[in-house]
């Protein structure tokens, strides 16, 4: 989850626009693209963020619950997966 949150933070993407299915399905590498797309077409995706801590161990950003609304016709989605530290794939699609 840390890598997903760091990516969202660096790209200034609100967590509510970033569906994560890692807590539900585990690390599925490239299969996560299809699993997440399927989840987003069926209904909302809900997950919890991981708290960020400073160098002294204090919480700098608390964990929180996130809900991502389902994809609807016309929505554009970037589906991205990465795994094993070296593999990644992505596709940009528009929901019909």
PDB file of N, CA and C in Angstrom:
ATOM      1  N   UNK A   1       0.819  -1.201   0.000  1.00  0.00           N
ATOM      2  CA  UNK A   1       0.000   0.000   0.000  1.00  0.00           C
ATOM      3  C   UNK A   1       0.857   1.256   0.000  1.00  0.00           C
ATOM      4  N   UNK A   2       2.023   1.205   0.613  1.00  0.00           N
ATOM      5  CA  UNK A   2       2.845   2.410   0.669  1.00  0.00           C
ATOM      6  C   UNK A   2       3.171   2.924  -0.724  1.00  0.00           C
ATOM      7  N   UNK A   3       3.535   2.036  -1.641  1.00  0.00           N
ATOM      8  CA  UNK A   3       3.895   2.455  -2.989  1.00  0.00           C
ATOM      9  C   UNK A   3       2.705   3.104  -3.697  1.00  0.00           C
ATOM     10  N   UNK A   4       1.513   2.525  -3.529  1.00  0.00           N
ATOM     11  CA  UNK A   4       0.305   3.104  -4.134  1.00  0.00           C
ATOM     12  C   UNK A   4       0.038   4.499  -3.589  1.00  0.00           C
ATOM     13  N   UNK A   5       0.141   4.662  -2.285  1.00  0.00           N
ATOM     14  CA  UNK A   5      -0.096   5.971  -1.668  1.00  0.00           C
ATOM     15  C   UNK A   5       0.958   6.978  -2.099  1.00  0.00           C
ATOM     16  N   UNK A   6       2.211   6.557  -2.180  1.00  0.00           N
ATOM     17  CA  UNK A   6       3.267   7.463  -2.616  1.00  0.00           C
ATOM     18  C   UNK A   6       3.028   7.918  -4.051  1.00  0.00           C
ATOM     19  N   UNK A   7       2.611   6.996  -4.909  1.00  0.00           N
ATOM     20  CA  UNK A   7       2.307   7.333  -6.295  1.00  0.00           C
ATOM     21  C   UNK A   7       1.184   8.359  -6.361  1.00  0.00           C
ATOM     22  N   UNK A   8       0.117   8.123  -5.619  1.00  0.00           N
ATOM     23  CA  UNK A   8      -1.018   9.058  -5.606  1.00  0.00           C
ATOM     24  C   UNK A   8      -0.590  10.422  -5.079  1.00  0.00           C
ATOM     25  N   UNK A   9       0.193  10.440  -4.011  1.00  0.00           N
ATOM     26  CA  UNK A   9       0.644  11.708  -3.435  1.00  0.00           C
ATOM     27  C   UNK A   9       1.520  12.482  -4.420  1.00  0.00           C
ATOM     28  N   UNK A  10       2.476  11.800  -5.045  1.00  0.00           N
ATOM     29  CA  UNK A  10       3.383  12.475  -5.968  1.00  0.00           C
ATOM     30  C   UNK A  10       2.656  13.000  -7.207  1.00  0.00           C
ATOM     31  N   UNK A  11       1.627  12.275  -7.646  1.00  0.00           N
ATOM     32  CA  UNK A  11       0.874  12.707  -8.829  1.00  0.00           C
ATOM     33  C   UNK A  11      -0.319  13.585  -8.464  1.00  0.00           C
ATOM     34  N   UNK A  12      -0.496  13.839  -7.162  1.00  0.00           N
ATOM     35  CA  UNK A  12      -1.600  14.653  -6.642  1.00  0.00           C
ATOM     36  C   UNK A  12      -2.963  14.090  -7.062  1.00  0.00           C
ATOM     37  N   UNK A  13      -3.078  12.768  -6.977  1.00  0.00           N
ATOM     38  CA  UNK A  13      -4.335  12.089  -7.279  1.00  0.00           C
ATOM     39  C   UNK A  13      -5.052  11.843  -5.959  1.00  0.00           C
ATOM     40  N   UNK A  14      -6.269  12.323  -5.794  1.00  0.00           N
ATOM     41  CA  UNK A  14      -7.011  12.037  -4.567  1.00  0.00           C
ATOM     42  C   UNK A  14      -7.230  10.527  -4.432  1.00  0.00           C
ATOM     43  N   UNK A  15      -7.117  10.025  -3.223  1.00  0.00           N
ATOM     44  CA  UNK A  15      -7.315   8.594  -2.993  1.00  0.00           C
ATOM     45  C   UNK A  15      -8.687   8.140  -3.478  1.00  0.00           C
ATOM     46  N   UNK A  16      -9.679   9.010  -3.435  1.00  0.00           N
ATOM     47  CA  UNK A  16     -11.026   8.666  -3.896  1.00  0.00           C
ATOM     48  C   UNK A  16     -11.086   8.442  -5.408  1.00  0.00           C
ATOM     49  N   UNK A  17     -10.018   8.767  -6.113  1.00  0.00           N
ATOM     50  CA  UNK A  17      -9.927   8.524  -7.556  1.00  0.00           C
ATOM     51  C   UNK A  17      -8.985   7.368  -7.866  1.00  0.00           C
ATOM     52  N   UNK A  18      -8.547   6.649  -6.835  1.00  0.00           N
ATOM     53  CA  UNK A  18      -7.560   5.587  -7.022  1.00  0.00           C
ATOM     54  C   UNK A  18      -8.037   4.320  -6.318  1.00  0.00           C
ATOM     55  N   UNK A  19      -8.540   3.391  -7.089  1.00  0.00           N
ATOM     56  CA  UNK A  19      -9.029   2.134  -6.517  1.00  0.00           C
ATOM     57  C   UNK A  19      -7.859   1.197  -6.247  1.00  0.00           C
ATOM     58  N   UNK A  20      -7.851   0.605  -5.081  1.00  0.00           N
ATOM     59  CA  UNK A  20      -6.821  -0.350  -4.690  1.00  0.00           C
ATOM     60  C   UNK A  20      -7.529  -1.611  -4.210  1.00  0.00           C
ATOM     61  N   UNK A  21      -7.191  -2.746  -4.818  1.00  0.00           N
ATOM     62  CA  UNK A  21      -7.816  -4.011  -4.433  1.00  0.00           C
ATOM     63  C   UNK A  21      -6.846  -4.936  -3.712  1.00  0.00           C
ATOM     64  N   UNK A  22      -5.675  -4.453  -3.378  1.00  0.00           N
ATOM     65  CA  UNK A  22      -4.677  -5.255  -2.667  1.00  0.00           C
ATOM     66  C   UNK A  22      -5.216  -5.851  -1.370  1.00  0.00           C
ATOM     67  N   UNK A  23      -5.948  -5.095  -0.538  1.00  0.00           N
ATOM     68  CA  UNK A  23      -6.462  -5.699   0.699  1.00  0.00           C
ATOM     69  C   UNK A  23      -7.464  -6.826   0.448  1.00  0.00           C
ATOM     70  N   UNK A  24      -8.202  -6.737  -0.653  1.00  0.00           N
ATOM     71  CA  UNK A  24      -9.233  -7.740  -0.935  1.00  0.00           C
ATOM     72  C   UNK A  24      -8.667  -8.993  -1.599  1.00  0.00           C
ATOM     73  N   UNK A  25      -7.785  -8.811  -2.583  1.00  0.00           N
ATOM     74  CA  UNK A  25      -7.296  -9.934  -3.384  1.00  0.00           C
ATOM     75  C   UNK A  25      -5.845 -10.312  -3.110  1.00  0.00           C
ATOM     76  N   UNK A  26      -5.096  -9.471  -2.415  1.00  0.00           N
ATOM     77  CA  UNK A  26      -3.671  -9.731  -2.208  1.00  0.00           C
ATOM     78  C   UNK A  26      -2.870  -9.269  -3.414  1.00  0.00           C
ATOM     79  N   UNK A  27      -1.596  -9.616  -3.437  1.00  0.00           N
ATOM     80  CA  UNK A  27      -0.707  -9.208  -4.520  1.00  0.00           C
ATOM     81  C   UNK A  27      -0.895 -10.150  -5.701  1.00  0.00           C
ATOM     82  N   UNK A  28      -1.558  -9.652  -6.729  1.00  0.00           N
ATOM     83  CA  UNK A  28      -1.842 -10.469  -7.913  1.00  0.00           C
ATOM     84  C   UNK A  28      -1.073  -9.988  -9.143  1.00  0.00           C
ATOM     85  N   UNK A  29      -0.140  -9.056  -8.968  1.00  0.00           N
ATOM     86  CA  UNK A  29       0.690  -8.514 -10.038  1.00  0.00           C
ATOM     87  C   UNK A  29      -0.180  -8.036 -11.196  1.00  0.00           C
ATOM     88  N   UNK A  30       0.066  -8.497 -12.417  1.00  0.00           N
ATOM     89  CA  UNK A  30      -0.660  -7.999 -13.590  1.00  0.00           C
ATOM     90  C   UNK A  30      -2.146  -8.311 -13.534  1.00  0.00           C
ATOM     91  N   UNK A  31      -2.544  -9.368 -12.855  1.00  0.00           N
ATOM     92  CA  UNK A  31      -3.966  -9.714 -12.766  1.00  0.00           C
ATOM     93  C   UNK A  31      -4.749  -8.652 -11.999  1.00  0.00           C
ATOM     94  N   UNK A  32      -4.070  -7.802 -11.241  1.00  0.00           N
ATOM     95  CA  UNK A  32      -4.774  -6.777 -10.467  1.00  0.00           C
ATOM     96  C   UNK A  32      -5.503  -5.786 -11.370  1.00  0.00           C
ATOM     97  N   UNK A  33      -5.041  -5.592 -12.595  1.00  0.00           N
ATOM     98  CA  UNK A  33      -5.720  -4.677 -13.510  1.00  0.00           C
ATOM     99  C   UNK A  33      -7.129  -5.179 -13.805  1.00  0.00           C
ATOM    100  N   UNK A  34      -7.254  -6.428 -14.209  1.00  0.00           N
ATOM    101  CA  UNK A  34      -8.564  -6.989 -14.496  1.00  0.00           C
ATOM    102  C   UNK A  34      -9.443  -7.096 -13.264  1.00  0.00           C
ATOM    103  N   UNK A  35      -8.859  -7.504 -12.137  1.00  0.00           N
ATOM    104  CA  UNK A  35      -9.624  -7.621 -10.895  1.00  0.00           C
ATOM    105  C   UNK A  35     -10.168  -6.270 -10.446  1.00  0.00           C
ATOM    106  N   UNK A  36      -9.345  -5.245 -10.539  1.00  0.00           N
ATOM    107  CA  UNK A  36      -9.778  -3.913 -10.118  1.00  0.00           C
ATOM    108  C   UNK A  36     -10.826  -3.355 -11.069  1.00  0.00           C
ATOM    109  N   UNK A  37     -10.638  -3.535 -12.362  1.00  0.00           N
ATOM    110  CA  UNK A  37     -11.637  -3.079 -13.325  1.00  0.00           C
ATOM    111  C   UNK A  37     -12.973  -3.777 -13.064  1.00  0.00           C
ATOM    112  N   UNK A  38     -12.940  -5.076 -12.850  1.00  0.00           N
ATOM    113  CA  UNK A  38     -14.160  -5.818 -12.548  1.00  0.00           C
ATOM    114  C   UNK A  38     -14.826  -5.263 -11.288  1.00  0.00           C
ATOM    115  N   UNK A  39     -14.044  -5.010 -10.256  1.00  0.00           N
ATOM    116  CA  UNK A  39     -14.586  -4.466  -9.003  1.00  0.00           C
ATOM    117  C   UNK A  39     -15.221  -3.101  -9.220  1.00  0.00           C
ATOM    118  N   UNK A  40     -14.571  -2.242 -10.000  1.00  0.00           N
ATOM    119  CA  UNK A  40     -15.088  -0.896 -10.245  1.00  0.00           C
ATOM    120  C   UNK A  40     -16.340  -0.889 -11.112  1.00  0.00           C
ATOM    121  N   UNK A  41     -16.512  -1.883 -11.938  1.00  0.00           N
ATOM    122  CA  UNK A  41     -17.724  -1.964 -12.758  1.00  0.00           C
ATOM    123  C   UNK A  41     -18.901  -2.520 -11.957  1.00  0.00           C
ATOM    124  N   UNK A  42     -18.622  -3.299 -10.932  1.00  0.00           N
ATOM    125  CA  UNK A  42     -19.675  -3.915 -10.109  1.00  0.00           C
ATOM    126  C   UNK A  42     -20.184  -2.994  -9.003  1.00  0.00           C
ATOM    127  N   UNK A  43     -19.341  -2.126  -8.490  1.00  0.00           N
ATOM    128  CA  UNK A  43     -19.760  -1.270  -7.381  1.00  0.00           C
ATOM    129  C   UNK A  43     -18.581  -0.506  -6.826  1.00  0.00           C
ATOM    130  N   UNK A  44     -18.777   0.183  -5.720  1.00  0.00           N
ATOM    131  CA  UNK A  44     -17.672   0.958  -5.148  1.00  0.00           C
ATOM    132  C   UNK A  44     -16.572   0.054  -4.606  1.00  0.00           C
ATOM    133  N   UNK A  45     -15.358   0.582  -4.592  1.00  0.00           N
ATOM    134  CA  UNK A  45     -14.208  -0.101  -3.998  1.00  0.00           C
ATOM    135  C   UNK A  45     -13.876   0.645  -2.714  1.00  0.00           C
ATOM    136  N   UNK A  46     -13.730  -0.085  -1.629  1.00  0.00           N
ATOM    137  CA  UNK A  46     -13.409   0.522  -0.343  1.00  0.00           C
ATOM    138  C   UNK A  46     -12.134  -0.095   0.211  1.00  0.00           C
ATOM    139  N   UNK A  47     -11.274   0.754   0.775  1.00  0.00           N
ATOM    140  CA  UNK A  47     -10.032   0.287   1.380  1.00  0.00           C
ATOM    141  C   UNK A  47      -9.586   1.304   2.420  1.00  0.00           C
ATOM    142  N   UNK A  48      -8.604   0.950   3.189  1.00  0.00           N
ATOM    143  CA  UNK A  48      -8.036   1.862   4.182  1.00  0.00           C
ATOM    144  C   UNK A  48      -6.615   2.210   3.823  1.00  0.00           C
ATOM    145  N   UNK A  49      -6.242   3.465   4.015  1.00  0.00           N
ATOM    146  CA  UNK A  49      -4.870   3.872   3.764  1.00  0.00           C
ATOM    147  C   UNK A  49      -3.995   3.440   4.940  1.00  0.00           C
ATOM    148  N   UNK A  50      -2.710   3.517   4.747  1.00  0.00           N
ATOM    149  CA  UNK A  50      -1.745   3.197   5.787  1.00  0.00           C
ATOM    150  C   UNK A  50      -1.228   4.514   6.360  1.00  0.00           C
ATOM    151  N   UNK A  51      -1.145   4.604   7.683  1.00  0.00           N
ATOM    152  CA  UNK A  51      -0.642   5.824   8.313  1.00  0.00           C
ATOM    153  C   UNK A  51       0.815   6.051   7.923  1.00  0.00           C
ATOM    154  N   UNK A  52       1.161   7.308   7.699  1.00  0.00           N
ATOM    155  CA  UNK A  52       2.558   7.661   7.440  1.00  0.00           C
ATOM    156  C   UNK A  52       3.174   8.166   8.730  1.00  0.00           C
ATOM    157  N   UNK A  53       4.408   7.769   8.957  1.00  0.00           N
ATOM    158  CA  UNK A  53       5.106   8.149  10.187  1.00  0.00           C
ATOM    159  C   UNK A  53       6.375   8.934   9.868  1.00  0.00           C
ATOM    160  N   UNK A  54       6.703   9.844  10.760  1.00  0.00           N
ATOM    161  CA  UNK A  54       7.912  10.638  10.631  1.00  0.00           C
ATOM    162  C   UNK A  54       9.119   9.866  11.132  1.00  0.00           C
ATOM    163  N   UNK A  55      10.303  10.480  11.073  1.00  0.00           N
ATOM    164  CA  UNK A  55      11.537   9.815  11.491  1.00  0.00           C
ATOM    165  C   UNK A  55      11.540   9.357  12.962  1.00  0.00           C
ATOM    166  N   UNK A  56      10.794  10.070  13.791  1.00  0.00           N
ATOM    167  CA  UNK A  56      10.760   9.698  15.216  1.00  0.00           C
ATOM    168  C   UNK A  56       9.619   8.726  15.530  1.00  0.00           C
ATOM    169  N   UNK A  57       8.894   8.273  14.512  1.00  0.00           N
ATOM    170  CA  UNK A  57       7.825   7.305  14.707  1.00  0.00           C
ATOM    171  C   UNK A  57       6.448   7.909  14.916  1.00  0.00           C
ATOM    172  N   UNK A  58       6.372   9.218  15.010  1.00  0.00           N
ATOM    173  CA  UNK A  58       5.061   9.841  15.212  1.00  0.00           C
ATOM    174  C   UNK A  58       4.275   9.856  13.900  1.00  0.00           C
ATOM    175  N   UNK A  59       2.957   9.744  13.996  1.00  0.00           N
ATOM    176  CA  UNK A  59       2.090   9.724  12.811  1.00  0.00           C
ATOM    177  C   UNK A  59       2.031  11.119  12.209  1.00  0.00           C
ATOM    178  N   UNK A  60       2.416  11.228  10.940  1.00  0.00           N
ATOM    179  CA  UNK A  60       2.355  12.513  10.240  1.00  0.00           C
ATOM    180  C   UNK A  60       1.075  12.620   9.412  1.00  0.00           C
ATOM    181  N   UNK A  61       0.600  11.502   8.882  1.00  0.00           N
ATOM    182  CA  UNK A  61      -0.671  11.450   8.162  1.00  0.00           C
ATOM    183  C   UNK A  61      -1.410  10.215   8.669  1.00  0.00           C
ATOM    184  N   UNK A  62      -2.559  10.400   9.327  1.00  0.00           N
ATOM    185  CA  UNK A  62      -3.269   9.249   9.890  1.00  0.00           C
ATOM    186  C   UNK A  62      -3.905   8.382   8.804  1.00  0.00           C
ATOM    187  N   UNK A  63      -4.140   7.127   9.152  1.00  0.00           N
ATOM    188  CA  UNK A  63      -4.847   6.252   8.218  1.00  0.00           C
ATOM    189  C   UNK A  63      -6.302   6.680   8.131  1.00  0.00           C
ATOM    190  N   UNK A  64      -6.946   6.333   7.026  1.00  0.00           N
ATOM    191  CA  UNK A  64      -8.355   6.676   6.869  1.00  0.00           C
ATOM    192  C   UNK A  64      -9.017   5.723   5.887  1.00  0.00           C
ATOM    193  N   UNK A  65     -10.334   5.670   5.953  1.00  0.00           N
ATOM    194  CA  UNK A  65     -11.116   4.850   5.038  1.00  0.00           C
ATOM    195  C   UNK A  65     -11.346   5.612   3.744  1.00  0.00           C
ATOM    196  N   UNK A  66     -11.264   4.896   2.624  1.00  0.00           N
ATOM    197  CA  UNK A  66     -11.445   5.500   1.306  1.00  0.00           C
ATOM    198  C   UNK A  66     -12.511   4.712   0.550  1.00  0.00           C
ATOM    199  N   UNK A  67     -13.372   5.432  -0.142  1.00  0.00           N
ATOM    200  CA  UNK A  67     -14.395   4.814  -0.998  1.00  0.00           C
ATOM    201  C   UNK A  67     -14.261   5.391  -2.398  1.00  0.00           C
ATOM    202  N   UNK A  68     -14.111   4.514  -3.383  1.00  0.00           N
ATOM    203  CA  UNK A  68     -13.999   4.920  -4.784  1.00  0.00           C
ATOM    204  C   UNK A  68     -15.295   4.507  -5.477  1.00  0.00           C
ATOM    205  N   UNK A  69     -15.999   5.480  -6.049  1.00  0.00           N
ATOM    206  CA  UNK A  69     -17.261   5.194  -6.718  1.00  0.00           C
ATOM    207  C   UNK A  69     -17.037   4.336  -7.957  1.00  0.00           C
ATOM    208  N   UNK A  70     -18.053   3.569  -8.348  1.00  0.00           N
ATOM    209  CA  UNK A  70     -17.912   2.694  -9.519  1.00  0.00           C
ATOM    210  C   UNK A  70     -17.741   3.482 -10.813  1.00  0.00           C
ATOM    211  N   UNK A  71     -17.147   2.824 -11.803  1.00  0.00           N
ATOM    212  CA  UNK A  71     -17.017   3.425 -13.125  1.00  0.00           C
ATOM    213  C   UNK A  71     -18.389   3.492 -13.780  1.00  0.00           C
ATOM    214  N   UNK A  72     -18.632   4.583 -14.441  1.00  0.00           N
ATOM    215  CA  UNK A  72     -19.878   4.786 -15.172  1.00  0.00           C
ATOM    216  C   UNK A  72     -19.542   5.088 -16.631  1.00  0.00           C
ATOM    217  N   UNK A  73     -20.497   4.933 -17.539  1.00  0.00           N
ATOM    218  CA  UNK A  73     -20.226   5.231 -18.951  1.00  0.00           C
ATOM    219  C   UNK A  73     -19.619   6.626 -19.127  1.00  0.00           C
ATOM    220  N   UNK A  74     -18.558   6.680 -19.923  1.00  0.00           N
ATOM    221  CA  UNK A  74     -17.871   7.941 -20.193  1.00  0.00           C
ATOM    222  C   UNK A  74     -16.679   8.211 -19.296  1.00  0.00           C
ATOM    223  N   UNK A  75     -16.584   7.548 -18.151  1.00  0.00           N
ATOM    224  CA  UNK A  75     -15.428   7.741 -17.271  1.00  0.00           C
ATOM    225  C   UNK A  75     -14.164   7.217 -17.942  1.00  0.00           C
ATOM    226  N   UNK A  76     -13.076   7.926 -17.746  1.00  0.00           N
ATOM    227  CA  UNK A  76     -11.767   7.497 -18.242  1.00  0.00           C
ATOM    228  C   UNK A  76     -10.996   6.939 -17.055  1.00  0.00           C
ATOM    229  N   UNK A  77     -10.334   5.800 -17.269  1.00  0.00           N
ATOM    230  CA  UNK A  77      -9.587   5.166 -16.188  1.00  0.00           C
ATOM    231  C   UNK A  77      -8.188   4.803 -16.658  1.00  0.00           C
ATOM    232  N   UNK A  78      -7.206   5.041 -15.792  1.00  0.00           N
ATOM    233  CA  UNK A  78      -5.843   4.556 -15.978  1.00  0.00           C
ATOM    234  C   UNK A  78      -5.724   3.336 -15.086  1.00  0.00           C
ATOM    235  N   UNK A  79      -5.514   2.172 -15.680  1.00  0.00           N
ATOM    236  CA  UNK A  79      -5.366   0.931 -14.929  1.00  0.00           C
ATOM    237  C   UNK A  79      -3.888   0.575 -14.921  1.00  0.00           C
ATOM    238  N   UNK A  80      -3.303   0.483 -13.742  1.00  0.00           N
ATOM    239  CA  UNK A  80      -1.865   0.320 -13.594  1.00  0.00           C
ATOM    240  C   UNK A  80      -1.577  -0.766 -12.585  1.00  0.00           C
ATOM    241  N   UNK A  81      -0.603  -1.597 -12.888  1.00  0.00           N
ATOM    242  CA  UNK A  81      -0.154  -2.593 -11.911  1.00  0.00           C
ATOM    243  C   UNK A  81       1.363  -2.652 -11.961  1.00  0.00           C
ATOM    244  N   UNK A  82       1.929  -3.039 -10.851  1.00  0.00           N
ATOM    245  CA  UNK A  82       3.367  -3.257 -10.809  1.00  0.00           C
ATOM    246  C   UNK A  82       3.636  -4.370  -9.815  1.00  0.00           C
ATOM    247  N   UNK A  83       4.701  -5.094 -10.055  1.00  0.00           N
ATOM    248  CA  UNK A  83       5.009  -6.210  -9.170  1.00  0.00           C
ATOM    249  C   UNK A  83       6.465  -6.617  -9.276  1.00  0.00           C
ATOM    250  N   UNK A  84       6.910  -7.314  -8.263  1.00  0.00           N
ATOM    251  CA  UNK A  84       8.274  -7.854  -8.188  1.00  0.00           C
ATOM    252  C   UNK A  84       9.340  -6.775  -8.339  1.00  0.00           C
ATOM    253  N   UNK A  85       8.968  -5.543  -8.163  1.00  0.00           N
ATOM    254  CA  UNK A  85       9.940  -4.457  -8.212  1.00  0.00           C
ATOM    255  C   UNK A  85      10.421  -4.100  -9.602  1.00  0.00           C
ATOM    256  N   UNK A  86      10.068  -4.886 -10.615  1.00  0.00           N
ATOM    257  CA  UNK A  86      10.594  -4.618 -11.944  1.00  0.00           C
ATOM    258  C   UNK A  86       9.533  -4.672 -13.038  1.00  0.00           C
ATOM    259  N   UNK A  87       8.412  -5.311 -12.788  1.00  0.00           N
ATOM    260  CA  UNK A  87       7.399  -5.430 -13.841  1.00  0.00           C
ATOM    261  C   UNK A  87       6.278  -4.427 -13.603  1.00  0.00           C
ATOM    262  N   UNK A  88       5.749  -3.891 -14.685  1.00  0.00           N
ATOM    263  CA  UNK A  88       4.613  -2.977 -14.580  1.00  0.00           C
ATOM    264  C   UNK A  88       3.872  -2.972 -15.906  1.00  0.00           C
ATOM    265  N   UNK A  89       2.608  -2.615 -15.845  1.00  0.00           N
ATOM    266  CA  UNK A  89       1.818  -2.466 -17.056  1.00  0.00           C
ATOM    267  C   UNK A  89       0.710  -1.465 -16.792  1.00  0.00           C
ATOM    268  N   UNK A  90       0.191  -0.898 -17.847  1.00  0.00           N
ATOM    269  CA  UNK A  90      -0.914   0.045 -17.704  1.00  0.00           C
ATOM    270  C   UNK A  90      -1.736   0.080 -18.979  1.00  0.00           C
ATOM    271  N   UNK A  91      -2.955   0.563 -18.850  1.00  0.00           N
ATOM    272  CA  UNK A  91      -3.830   0.799 -19.989  1.00  0.00           C
ATOM    273  C   UNK A  91      -4.759   1.950 -19.612  1.00  0.00           C
ATOM    274  N   UNK A  92      -5.046   2.822 -20.573  1.00  0.00           N
ATOM    275  CA  UNK A  92      -6.023   3.886 -20.378  1.00  0.00           C
ATOM    276  C   UNK A  92      -7.259   3.485 -21.169  1.00  0.00           C
ATOM    277  N   UNK A  93      -8.411   3.555 -20.524  1.00  0.00           N
ATOM    278  CA  UNK A  93      -9.638   3.109 -21.172  1.00  0.00           C
ATOM    279  C   UNK A  93     -10.799   4.031 -20.805  1.00  0.00           C
ATOM    280  N   UNK A  94     -11.832   4.000 -21.605  1.00  0.00           N
ATOM    281  CA  UNK A  94     -13.059   4.750 -21.330  1.00  0.00           C
ATOM    282  C   UNK A  94     -14.173   3.728 -21.137  1.00  0.00           C
ATOM    283  N   UNK A  95     -14.907   3.874 -20.041  1.00  0.00           N
ATOM    284  CA  UNK A  95     -16.010   2.956 -19.746  1.00  0.00           C
ATOM    285  C   UNK A  95     -17.152   3.220 -20.713  1.00  0.00           C
ATOM    286  N   UNK A  96     -17.742   2.155 -21.214  1.00  0.00           N
ATOM    287  CA  UNK A  96     -18.876   2.276 -22.138  1.00  0.00           C
ATOM    288  C   UNK A  96     -20.181   2.115 -21.417  1.00  0.00           C
TER     289      UNK A  96
END
